[in-house]
């Protein structure tokens, strides 16, 4: 098993006091961008996995009452002729 390259002296993550806060302006001015950023940060999903998610409707990917986010869609390719 290879040795870890992360040590206590040089961790691979930021210390809590060095984190950059998410701008509150997103939450105030553009709520949809804040939600996109928040879900991406907390799930680790890439934007290409987040864009096709549906928040409401019969086939919604977010089950609000159950607290479930189903990542089951892929982005469609738009071809212009």
C-alpha atoms as a PDB file:
ATOM      1  CA  UNK A   1       0.000   0.000   0.000  1.00  0.00           C
ATOM      2  CA  UNK A   2       1.532   3.369  -1.005  1.00  0.00           C
ATOM      3  CA  UNK A   3       2.192   5.967   1.653  1.00  0.00           C
ATOM      4  CA  UNK A   4      -0.174   8.905   1.878  1.00  0.00           C
ATOM      5  CA  UNK A   5       1.115  12.212   0.563  1.00  0.00           C
ATOM      6  CA  UNK A   6      -1.044  14.098   3.041  1.00  0.00           C
ATOM      7  CA  UNK A   7       0.447  14.825   6.459  1.00  0.00           C
ATOM      8  CA  UNK A   8      -0.652  16.787   9.504  1.00  0.00           C
ATOM      9  CA  UNK A   9       1.862  19.465   8.557  1.00  0.00           C
ATOM     10  CA  UNK A  10       0.620  19.649   4.950  1.00  0.00           C
ATOM     11  CA  UNK A  11      -3.013  18.486   4.777  1.00  0.00           C
ATOM     12  CA  UNK A  12      -4.912  18.353   1.489  1.00  0.00           C
ATOM     13  CA  UNK A  13      -7.800  20.388   2.854  1.00  0.00           C
ATOM     14  CA  UNK A  14      -8.197  23.908   4.161  1.00  0.00           C
ATOM     15  CA  UNK A  15      -8.356  24.559   7.856  1.00  0.00           C
ATOM     16  CA  UNK A  16     -11.715  25.959   9.009  1.00  0.00           C
ATOM     17  CA  UNK A  17     -10.228  29.409   9.571  1.00  0.00           C
ATOM     18  CA  UNK A  18      -8.879  29.527   5.974  1.00  0.00           C
ATOM     19  CA  UNK A  19     -12.109  28.649   4.164  1.00  0.00           C
ATOM     20  CA  UNK A  20     -13.553  31.172   1.753  1.00  0.00           C
ATOM     21  CA  UNK A  21     -17.200  31.935   2.563  1.00  0.00           C
ATOM     22  CA  UNK A  22     -19.810  31.626  -0.174  1.00  0.00           C
ATOM     23  CA  UNK A  23     -20.829  35.141  -1.180  1.00  0.00           C
ATOM     24  CA  UNK A  24     -24.093  36.152   0.418  1.00  0.00           C
ATOM     25  CA  UNK A  25     -24.769  38.197  -2.669  1.00  0.00           C
ATOM     26  CA  UNK A  26     -25.655  34.998  -4.549  1.00  0.00           C
ATOM     27  CA  UNK A  27     -28.331  34.203  -1.980  1.00  0.00           C
ATOM     28  CA  UNK A  28     -29.675  37.746  -2.076  1.00  0.00           C
ATOM     29  CA  UNK A  29     -29.515  38.582  -5.790  1.00  0.00           C
ATOM     30  CA  UNK A  30     -29.547  35.324  -7.742  1.00  0.00           C
ATOM     31  CA  UNK A  31     -31.112  32.553  -5.701  1.00  0.00           C
ATOM     32  CA  UNK A  32     -30.946  30.021  -8.560  1.00  0.00           C
ATOM     33  CA  UNK A  33     -27.169  30.442  -8.789  1.00  0.00           C
ATOM     34  CA  UNK A  34     -26.824  30.107  -5.027  1.00  0.00           C
ATOM     35  CA  UNK A  35     -28.834  26.876  -5.052  1.00  0.00           C
ATOM     36  CA  UNK A  36     -26.726  25.506  -7.937  1.00  0.00           C
ATOM     37  CA  UNK A  37     -23.509  26.401  -6.098  1.00  0.00           C
ATOM     38  CA  UNK A  38     -24.762  25.057  -2.763  1.00  0.00           C
ATOM     39  CA  UNK A  39     -25.826  21.676  -4.181  1.00  0.00           C
ATOM     40  CA  UNK A  40     -22.604  21.352  -6.163  1.00  0.00           C
ATOM     41  CA  UNK A  41     -20.396  22.091  -3.172  1.00  0.00           C
ATOM     42  CA  UNK A  42     -22.282  19.765  -0.844  1.00  0.00           C
ATOM     43  CA  UNK A  43     -22.603  16.827  -3.236  1.00  0.00           C
ATOM     44  CA  UNK A  44     -19.362  17.171  -5.177  1.00  0.00           C
ATOM     45  CA  UNK A  45     -21.276  16.965  -8.447  1.00  0.00           C
ATOM     46  CA  UNK A  46     -20.056  18.745 -11.539  1.00  0.00           C
ATOM     47  CA  UNK A  47     -22.189  21.376 -13.275  1.00  0.00           C
ATOM     48  CA  UNK A  48     -22.905  18.967 -16.143  1.00  0.00           C
ATOM     49  CA  UNK A  49     -24.610  16.637 -13.650  1.00  0.00           C
ATOM     50  CA  UNK A  50     -26.527  19.436 -11.938  1.00  0.00           C
ATOM     51  CA  UNK A  51     -27.932  21.280 -14.971  1.00  0.00           C
ATOM     52  CA  UNK A  52     -30.396  18.573 -16.078  1.00  0.00           C
ATOM     53  CA  UNK A  53     -31.930  18.096 -12.608  1.00  0.00           C
ATOM     54  CA  UNK A  54     -35.647  18.869 -12.322  1.00  0.00           C
ATOM     55  CA  UNK A  55     -36.990  20.382  -9.122  1.00  0.00           C
ATOM     56  CA  UNK A  56     -40.713  19.961  -9.734  1.00  0.00           C
ATOM     57  CA  UNK A  57     -43.216  18.149 -11.900  1.00  0.00           C
ATOM     58  CA  UNK A  58     -44.209  14.507 -12.253  1.00  0.00           C
ATOM     59  CA  UNK A  59     -40.624  13.349 -12.888  1.00  0.00           C
ATOM     60  CA  UNK A  60     -38.828  15.612 -10.417  1.00  0.00           C
ATOM     61  CA  UNK A  61     -35.330  14.565  -9.376  1.00  0.00           C
ATOM     62  CA  UNK A  62     -35.675  16.271  -6.008  1.00  0.00           C
ATOM     63  CA  UNK A  63     -38.086  14.633  -3.571  1.00  0.00           C
ATOM     64  CA  UNK A  64     -38.598  17.505  -1.145  1.00  0.00           C
ATOM     65  CA  UNK A  65     -40.606  15.648   1.519  1.00  0.00           C
ATOM     66  CA  UNK A  66     -38.285  12.629   1.571  1.00  0.00           C
ATOM     67  CA  UNK A  67     -35.109  14.721   1.342  1.00  0.00           C
ATOM     68  CA  UNK A  68     -33.822  12.802  -1.697  1.00  0.00           C
ATOM     69  CA  UNK A  69     -31.843  14.066  -4.672  1.00  0.00           C
ATOM     70  CA  UNK A  70     -31.783  11.524  -7.511  1.00  0.00           C
ATOM     71  CA  UNK A  71     -28.952  12.101  -9.967  1.00  0.00           C
ATOM     72  CA  UNK A  72     -30.224  10.112 -12.931  1.00  0.00           C
ATOM     73  CA  UNK A  73     -30.170  12.447 -15.905  1.00  0.00           C
ATOM     74  CA  UNK A  74     -27.479  13.431 -18.328  1.00  0.00           C
ATOM     75  CA  UNK A  75     -27.300  16.633 -20.329  1.00  0.00           C
ATOM     76  CA  UNK A  76     -28.709  16.486 -23.809  1.00  0.00           C
ATOM     77  CA  UNK A  77     -26.677  17.600 -26.762  1.00  0.00           C
ATOM     78  CA  UNK A  78     -28.093  20.468 -28.788  1.00  0.00           C
ATOM     79  CA  UNK A  79     -27.216  20.307 -32.457  1.00  0.00           C
ATOM     80  CA  UNK A  80     -27.820  23.357 -34.590  1.00  0.00           C
ATOM     81  CA  UNK A  81     -28.210  22.870 -38.323  1.00  0.00           C
END
